[in-house]
């Protein structure tokens, strides 16, 4: 009798993705930039927190 084939269950797929994560290019492949009439808003953020956030983007 032959050995049963290992099933590709959720844990095995998660483990494979953890050790071989997709690249940033793959993750962002279907993401569109904001249109000119759209804006990025974080509800509840203070001006000081926003300044820190923007400064981090410039790094």
C-alpha atoms as a PDB file:
ATOM      1  CA  UNK A   1       0.000   0.000   0.000  1.00  0.00           C
ATOM      2  CA  UNK A   2       1.395   3.397  -0.930  1.00  0.00           C
ATOM      3  CA  UNK A   3       1.835   6.248   1.517  1.00  0.00           C
ATOM      4  CA  UNK A   4      -0.892   8.906   1.423  1.00  0.00           C
ATOM      5  CA  UNK A   5       0.169  12.169  -0.172  1.00  0.00           C
ATOM      6  CA  UNK A   6       0.551  15.056   2.228  1.00  0.00           C
ATOM      7  CA  UNK A   7      -2.266  17.537   1.931  1.00  0.00           C
ATOM      8  CA  UNK A   8      -1.457  21.171   1.310  1.00  0.00           C
ATOM      9  CA  UNK A   9      -3.329  22.439   4.345  1.00  0.00           C
ATOM     10  CA  UNK A  10      -3.527  25.963   5.726  1.00  0.00           C
ATOM     11  CA  UNK A  11      -0.539  25.569   8.051  1.00  0.00           C
ATOM     12  CA  UNK A  12       1.731  24.354   5.266  1.00  0.00           C
ATOM     13  CA  UNK A  13       0.661  27.208   2.972  1.00  0.00           C
ATOM     14  CA  UNK A  14       1.131  29.773   5.764  1.00  0.00           C
ATOM     15  CA  UNK A  15       4.558  28.341   6.554  1.00  0.00           C
ATOM     16  CA  UNK A  16       5.591  28.514   2.903  1.00  0.00           C
ATOM     17  CA  UNK A  17       4.387  32.103   2.629  1.00  0.00           C
ATOM     18  CA  UNK A  18       6.197  33.040   5.844  1.00  0.00           C
ATOM     19  CA  UNK A  19       9.521  31.648   4.630  1.00  0.00           C
ATOM     20  CA  UNK A  20       9.049  32.853   1.044  1.00  0.00           C
ATOM     21  CA  UNK A  21       7.042  36.080   1.344  1.00  0.00           C
ATOM     22  CA  UNK A  22       5.860  37.872  -1.776  1.00  0.00           C
ATOM     23  CA  UNK A  23       7.927  40.847  -2.879  1.00  0.00           C
ATOM     24  CA  UNK A  24       6.714  44.411  -2.446  1.00  0.00           C
ATOM     25  CA  UNK A  25       6.169  44.577  -6.203  1.00  0.00           C
ATOM     26  CA  UNK A  26       3.924  41.491  -6.043  1.00  0.00           C
ATOM     27  CA  UNK A  27       1.967  42.888  -3.094  1.00  0.00           C
ATOM     28  CA  UNK A  28       1.456  46.251  -4.771  1.00  0.00           C
ATOM     29  CA  UNK A  29       0.756  44.928  -8.298  1.00  0.00           C
ATOM     30  CA  UNK A  30      -2.985  45.665  -8.187  1.00  0.00           C
ATOM     31  CA  UNK A  31      -2.840  48.825  -6.046  1.00  0.00           C
ATOM     32  CA  UNK A  32      -3.636  52.052  -7.847  1.00  0.00           C
ATOM     33  CA  UNK A  33      -2.256  55.425  -6.728  1.00  0.00           C
ATOM     34  CA  UNK A  34      -4.646  57.995  -5.317  1.00  0.00           C
ATOM     35  CA  UNK A  35      -6.457  60.030  -7.930  1.00  0.00           C
ATOM     36  CA  UNK A  36      -5.924  63.820  -7.932  1.00  0.00           C
ATOM     37  CA  UNK A  37      -9.296  64.353  -6.252  1.00  0.00           C
ATOM     38  CA  UNK A  38      -8.603  61.793  -3.478  1.00  0.00           C
ATOM     39  CA  UNK A  39      -6.667  62.376  -0.285  1.00  0.00           C
ATOM     40  CA  UNK A  40      -5.058  60.278   2.426  1.00  0.00           C
ATOM     41  CA  UNK A  41      -6.747  60.824   5.767  1.00  0.00           C
ATOM     42  CA  UNK A  42      -6.141  59.136   9.121  1.00  0.00           C
ATOM     43  CA  UNK A  43      -9.094  59.845  11.418  1.00  0.00           C
ATOM     44  CA  UNK A  44      -8.152  61.123  14.871  1.00  0.00           C
ATOM     45  CA  UNK A  45      -4.491  61.851  14.132  1.00  0.00           C
ATOM     46  CA  UNK A  46      -3.075  64.999  15.701  1.00  0.00           C
ATOM     47  CA  UNK A  47      -1.024  67.559  13.775  1.00  0.00           C
ATOM     48  CA  UNK A  48       2.097  66.431  15.624  1.00  0.00           C
ATOM     49  CA  UNK A  49       1.453  62.760  14.777  1.00  0.00           C
ATOM     50  CA  UNK A  50       0.820  63.714  11.152  1.00  0.00           C
ATOM     51  CA  UNK A  51       4.149  65.586  11.004  1.00  0.00           C
ATOM     52  CA  UNK A  52       5.968  62.526  12.371  1.00  0.00           C
ATOM     53  CA  UNK A  53       4.193  60.319   9.836  1.00  0.00           C
ATOM     54  CA  UNK A  54       5.092  62.561   6.900  1.00  0.00           C
ATOM     55  CA  UNK A  55       8.700  62.824   8.105  1.00  0.00           C
ATOM     56  CA  UNK A  56       8.921  59.015   8.210  1.00  0.00           C
ATOM     57  CA  UNK A  57       7.729  58.832   4.593  1.00  0.00           C
ATOM     58  CA  UNK A  58      10.568  61.140   3.548  1.00  0.00           C
ATOM     59  CA  UNK A  59      13.236  58.868   5.078  1.00  0.00           C
END
